[in-house]
Amino acid sequence: MKTIETERLLIRKWDIERDVDDAFEFYGDEETMRFIPGGVRDREGTRATLQRMIDRESTEGFGICLEGDSSLYNFCTLDRIFQSSYFYRQPKTIQ
């Protein structure tokens, strides 16, 4: 994935050393993580989560980190729905 930069936005891949402190602010926040599977994470759990996302970026090519004022403020990960997924539905054939 190429880095995309505009006047107000930077879209780039994750960088553990650069992003772990900012990511811990939301992964370590009880209110933010209230409905997120896995719940609140400590700093090492946050680092492990970032590493999993980085590993998936290298095999699937998806992962976006949004940045403003040189600190992480939001992120989005795009995912494929595989056939083994609960959400995957086989198309019906009309005869």
N, C-alpha and C. Protein backbone atom coordinates (compact mmCIF):
# COMPACT_ATOMS: atom_id res chain seq x y z
N MET A 1 0.84 -1.18 0.00
CA MET A 1 0.00 0.00 0.00
C MET A 1 0.88 1.24 0.00
N LYS A 2 0.57 2.15 -0.86
CA LYS A 2 1.29 3.41 -0.89
C LYS A 2 0.76 4.34 0.20
N THR A 3 1.60 5.26 0.62
CA THR A 3 1.17 6.29 1.56
C THR A 3 0.44 7.36 0.77
N ILE A 4 -0.68 7.79 1.30
CA ILE A 4 -1.48 8.84 0.65
C ILE A 4 -1.54 10.00 1.64
N GLU A 5 -1.20 11.17 1.16
CA GLU A 5 -1.18 12.33 2.04
C GLU A 5 -1.90 13.51 1.39
N THR A 6 -2.78 14.13 2.17
CA THR A 6 -3.43 15.36 1.74
C THR A 6 -3.08 16.44 2.78
N GLU A 7 -3.66 17.58 2.63
CA GLU A 7 -3.41 18.67 3.57
C GLU A 7 -3.83 18.30 5.00
N ARG A 8 -4.89 17.50 5.14
CA ARG A 8 -5.44 17.20 6.46
C ARG A 8 -5.36 15.73 6.86
N LEU A 9 -4.82 14.87 6.01
CA LEU A 9 -4.93 13.44 6.24
C LEU A 9 -3.69 12.70 5.75
N LEU A 10 -3.28 11.70 6.50
CA LEU A 10 -2.22 10.80 6.08
C LEU A 10 -2.74 9.38 6.22
N ILE A 11 -2.76 8.64 5.15
CA ILE A 11 -3.17 7.24 5.17
C ILE A 11 -1.91 6.43 4.92
N ARG A 12 -1.59 5.55 5.88
CA ARG A 12 -0.35 4.78 5.80
C ARG A 12 -0.52 3.46 6.52
N LYS A 13 0.46 2.59 6.35
CA LYS A 13 0.46 1.33 7.07
C LYS A 13 0.83 1.57 8.53
N TRP A 14 0.48 0.60 9.37
CA TRP A 14 0.84 0.65 10.78
C TRP A 14 2.35 0.57 10.94
N ASP A 15 2.85 1.19 11.99
CA ASP A 15 4.24 1.12 12.39
C ASP A 15 4.22 0.96 13.92
N ILE A 16 4.57 -0.23 14.41
CA ILE A 16 4.41 -0.51 15.84
C ILE A 16 5.09 0.54 16.72
N GLU A 17 6.34 0.80 16.45
CA GLU A 17 7.07 1.74 17.33
C GLU A 17 6.45 3.14 17.30
N ARG A 18 5.97 3.53 16.15
CA ARG A 18 5.38 4.87 16.01
C ARG A 18 3.97 4.94 16.59
N ASP A 19 3.23 3.83 16.52
CA ASP A 19 1.79 3.87 16.79
C ASP A 19 1.35 3.25 18.11
N VAL A 20 2.21 2.49 18.80
CA VAL A 20 1.75 1.74 19.97
C VAL A 20 1.21 2.65 21.07
N ASP A 21 1.83 3.77 21.33
CA ASP A 21 1.34 4.65 22.41
C ASP A 21 -0.03 5.24 22.08
N ASP A 22 -0.19 5.71 20.85
CA ASP A 22 -1.49 6.27 20.44
C ASP A 22 -2.56 5.18 20.41
N ALA A 23 -2.21 4.00 19.90
CA ALA A 23 -3.19 2.90 19.83
C ALA A 23 -3.60 2.46 21.23
N PHE A 24 -2.66 2.48 22.18
CA PHE A 24 -2.97 2.09 23.55
C PHE A 24 -3.99 3.03 24.18
N GLU A 25 -4.01 4.29 23.74
CA GLU A 25 -5.00 5.22 24.28
C GLU A 25 -6.42 4.73 24.04
N PHE A 26 -6.70 4.14 22.88
CA PHE A 26 -8.07 3.63 22.69
C PHE A 26 -8.19 2.15 23.03
N TYR A 27 -7.18 1.30 22.78
CA TYR A 27 -7.28 -0.11 23.17
C TYR A 27 -7.26 -0.29 24.68
N GLY A 28 -6.67 0.64 25.40
CA GLY A 28 -6.61 0.57 26.85
C GLY A 28 -7.75 1.28 27.55
N ASP A 29 -8.66 1.89 26.80
CA ASP A 29 -9.76 2.65 27.37
C ASP A 29 -11.02 1.78 27.52
N GLU A 30 -11.48 1.63 28.75
CA GLU A 30 -12.61 0.75 29.02
C GLU A 30 -13.89 1.16 28.28
N GLU A 31 -14.18 2.43 28.24
CA GLU A 31 -15.40 2.89 27.56
C GLU A 31 -15.31 2.65 26.05
N THR A 32 -14.16 2.93 25.46
CA THR A 32 -13.98 2.73 24.03
C THR A 32 -14.11 1.26 23.66
N MET A 33 -13.57 0.38 24.50
CA MET A 33 -13.51 -1.05 24.17
C MET A 33 -14.70 -1.85 24.72
N ARG A 34 -15.67 -1.16 25.25
CA ARG A 34 -16.80 -1.82 25.90
C ARG A 34 -17.48 -2.88 25.03
N PHE A 35 -17.65 -2.61 23.74
CA PHE A 35 -18.35 -3.56 22.86
C PHE A 35 -17.42 -4.21 21.85
N ILE A 36 -16.13 -4.05 22.02
CA ILE A 36 -15.15 -4.60 21.09
C ILE A 36 -14.71 -5.97 21.58
N PRO A 37 -14.75 -7.01 20.70
CA PRO A 37 -14.30 -8.35 21.13
C PRO A 37 -12.88 -8.30 21.69
N GLY A 38 -12.67 -8.98 22.78
CA GLY A 38 -11.35 -9.00 23.41
C GLY A 38 -11.21 -7.97 24.52
N GLY A 39 -12.07 -6.96 24.50
CA GLY A 39 -12.07 -5.96 25.56
C GLY A 39 -10.80 -5.14 25.66
N VAL A 40 -10.61 -4.53 26.82
CA VAL A 40 -9.47 -3.65 27.08
C VAL A 40 -8.17 -4.43 26.97
N ARG A 41 -7.16 -3.80 26.38
CA ARG A 41 -5.85 -4.42 26.25
C ARG A 41 -4.81 -3.61 27.01
N ASP A 42 -3.82 -4.30 27.57
CA ASP A 42 -2.69 -3.60 28.15
C ASP A 42 -1.72 -3.23 27.02
N ARG A 43 -0.60 -2.63 27.34
CA ARG A 43 0.33 -2.17 26.30
C ARG A 43 0.84 -3.34 25.45
N GLU A 44 1.15 -4.48 26.09
CA GLU A 44 1.63 -5.64 25.32
C GLU A 44 0.51 -6.23 24.45
N GLY A 45 -0.72 -6.22 24.96
CA GLY A 45 -1.85 -6.67 24.16
C GLY A 45 -2.09 -5.76 22.97
N THR A 46 -1.89 -4.47 23.17
CA THR A 46 -2.01 -3.50 22.08
C THR A 46 -0.94 -3.76 21.03
N ARG A 47 0.29 -4.00 21.48
CA ARG A 47 1.39 -4.30 20.56
C ARG A 47 1.08 -5.57 19.75
N ALA A 48 0.55 -6.59 20.41
CA ALA A 48 0.21 -7.84 19.73
C ALA A 48 -0.91 -7.61 18.71
N THR A 49 -1.89 -6.79 19.06
CA THR A 49 -2.97 -6.46 18.12
C THR A 49 -2.43 -5.75 16.90
N LEU A 50 -1.56 -4.77 17.10
CA LEU A 50 -0.95 -4.07 15.96
C LEU A 50 -0.15 -5.04 15.10
N GLN A 51 0.58 -5.96 15.72
CA GLN A 51 1.38 -6.91 14.95
C GLN A 51 0.47 -7.81 14.10
N ARG A 52 -0.66 -8.25 14.66
CA ARG A 52 -1.61 -9.07 13.87
C ARG A 52 -2.12 -8.28 12.66
N MET A 53 -2.42 -7.00 12.86
CA MET A 53 -2.90 -6.19 11.74
C MET A 53 -1.80 -6.01 10.69
N ILE A 54 -0.58 -5.81 11.14
CA ILE A 54 0.54 -5.69 10.20
C ILE A 54 0.74 -6.99 9.43
N ASP A 55 0.66 -8.12 10.13
CA ASP A 55 0.81 -9.42 9.46
C ASP A 55 -0.27 -9.61 8.41
N ARG A 56 -1.48 -9.20 8.69
CA ARG A 56 -2.57 -9.34 7.72
C ARG A 56 -2.38 -8.39 6.55
N GLU A 57 -1.83 -7.20 6.80
CA GLU A 57 -1.56 -6.28 5.70
C GLU A 57 -0.63 -6.92 4.68
N SER A 58 0.38 -7.64 5.15
CA SER A 58 1.37 -8.20 4.24
C SER A 58 0.81 -9.35 3.42
N THR A 59 -0.21 -10.06 3.92
CA THR A 59 -0.78 -11.18 3.16
C THR A 59 -2.03 -10.78 2.40
N GLU A 60 -2.77 -9.82 2.90
CA GLU A 60 -4.03 -9.45 2.26
C GLU A 60 -4.01 -8.06 1.66
N GLY A 61 -3.03 -7.27 2.02
CA GLY A 61 -2.87 -5.96 1.40
C GLY A 61 -3.80 -4.88 1.90
N PHE A 62 -4.46 -5.09 3.03
CA PHE A 62 -5.37 -4.08 3.54
C PHE A 62 -4.93 -3.62 4.92
N GLY A 63 -5.16 -2.37 5.20
CA GLY A 63 -4.89 -1.80 6.51
C GLY A 63 -4.65 -0.32 6.35
N ILE A 64 -5.38 0.48 7.05
CA ILE A 64 -5.29 1.92 6.89
C ILE A 64 -5.10 2.55 8.26
N CYS A 65 -4.18 3.47 8.34
CA CYS A 65 -3.98 4.24 9.55
C CYS A 65 -4.16 5.69 9.19
N LEU A 66 -5.04 6.38 9.87
CA LEU A 66 -5.29 7.78 9.61
C LEU A 66 -4.58 8.61 10.66
N GLU A 67 -3.97 9.70 10.25
CA GLU A 67 -3.18 10.49 11.18
C GLU A 67 -3.46 11.97 11.00
N GLY A 68 -3.50 12.70 12.09
CA GLY A 68 -3.66 14.14 12.05
C GLY A 68 -2.81 14.77 13.12
N ASP A 69 -2.20 15.87 12.84
CA ASP A 69 -1.34 16.55 13.81
C ASP A 69 -0.27 15.62 14.39
N SER A 70 0.28 14.76 13.57
CA SER A 70 1.35 13.82 13.88
C SER A 70 1.01 12.78 14.94
N SER A 71 -0.25 12.64 15.32
CA SER A 71 -0.61 11.55 16.23
C SER A 71 -1.80 10.79 15.65
N LEU A 72 -1.82 9.52 15.95
CA LEU A 72 -2.89 8.65 15.48
C LEU A 72 -4.20 9.10 16.09
N TYR A 73 -5.24 9.26 15.29
CA TYR A 73 -6.52 9.61 15.88
C TYR A 73 -7.65 8.71 15.43
N ASN A 74 -7.43 7.85 14.50
CA ASN A 74 -8.46 6.93 14.06
C ASN A 74 -7.82 5.89 13.17
N PHE A 75 -8.50 4.78 12.97
CA PHE A 75 -8.00 3.80 12.04
C PHE A 75 -9.15 2.98 11.50
N CYS A 76 -8.87 2.32 10.41
CA CYS A 76 -9.86 1.46 9.77
C CYS A 76 -9.10 0.30 9.16
N THR A 77 -9.62 -0.89 9.30
CA THR A 77 -9.04 -2.05 8.64
C THR A 77 -10.10 -2.62 7.72
N LEU A 78 -9.73 -2.80 6.49
CA LEU A 78 -10.62 -3.41 5.52
C LEU A 78 -10.35 -4.90 5.52
N ASP A 79 -11.38 -5.70 5.39
CA ASP A 79 -11.22 -7.13 5.48
C ASP A 79 -11.99 -7.81 4.36
N ARG A 80 -11.50 -8.95 3.94
CA ARG A 80 -12.22 -9.77 2.98
C ARG A 80 -13.11 -10.73 3.74
N ILE A 81 -14.20 -11.12 3.14
CA ILE A 81 -15.06 -12.13 3.74
C ILE A 81 -14.77 -13.43 3.03
N PHE A 82 -14.17 -14.38 3.75
CA PHE A 82 -13.80 -15.66 3.18
C PHE A 82 -14.97 -16.63 3.22
N GLN A 83 -14.92 -17.64 2.39
CA GLN A 83 -16.00 -18.61 2.32
C GLN A 83 -16.25 -19.29 3.66
N SER A 84 -15.23 -19.44 4.47
CA SER A 84 -15.40 -20.08 5.77
C SER A 84 -16.02 -19.14 6.79
N SER A 85 -16.18 -17.89 6.44
CA SER A 85 -16.70 -16.90 7.36
C SER A 85 -18.19 -17.11 7.62
N TYR A 86 -18.60 -16.75 8.83
CA TYR A 86 -20.02 -16.79 9.19
C TYR A 86 -20.84 -15.89 8.27
N PHE A 87 -20.26 -14.80 7.81
CA PHE A 87 -20.99 -13.81 7.02
C PHE A 87 -21.08 -14.17 5.54
N TYR A 88 -20.28 -15.15 5.11
CA TYR A 88 -20.28 -15.51 3.69
C TYR A 88 -21.51 -16.34 3.38
N ARG A 89 -22.21 -15.97 2.35
CA ARG A 89 -23.38 -16.74 1.92
C ARG A 89 -23.16 -17.18 0.48
N GLN A 90 -23.35 -18.45 0.23
CA GLN A 90 -23.21 -19.00 -1.11
C GLN A 90 -24.31 -18.42 -1.98
N PRO A 91 -23.96 -17.91 -3.17
CA PRO A 91 -25.02 -17.38 -4.06
C PRO A 91 -25.97 -18.50 -4.47
N LYS A 92 -27.24 -18.17 -4.59
CA LYS A 92 -28.24 -19.16 -5.00
C LYS A 92 -28.31 -19.20 -6.52
N THR A 93 -28.45 -20.39 -7.04
CA THR A 93 -28.58 -20.57 -8.49
C THR A 93 -30.05 -20.63 -8.83
N ILE A 94 -30.45 -19.81 -9.78
CA ILE A 94 -31.84 -19.80 -10.22
C ILE A 94 -31.94 -20.73 -11.43
N GLN A 95 -32.85 -21.70 -11.37
CA GLN A 95 -33.00 -22.65 -12.47
C GLN A 95 -34.20 -22.34 -13.31
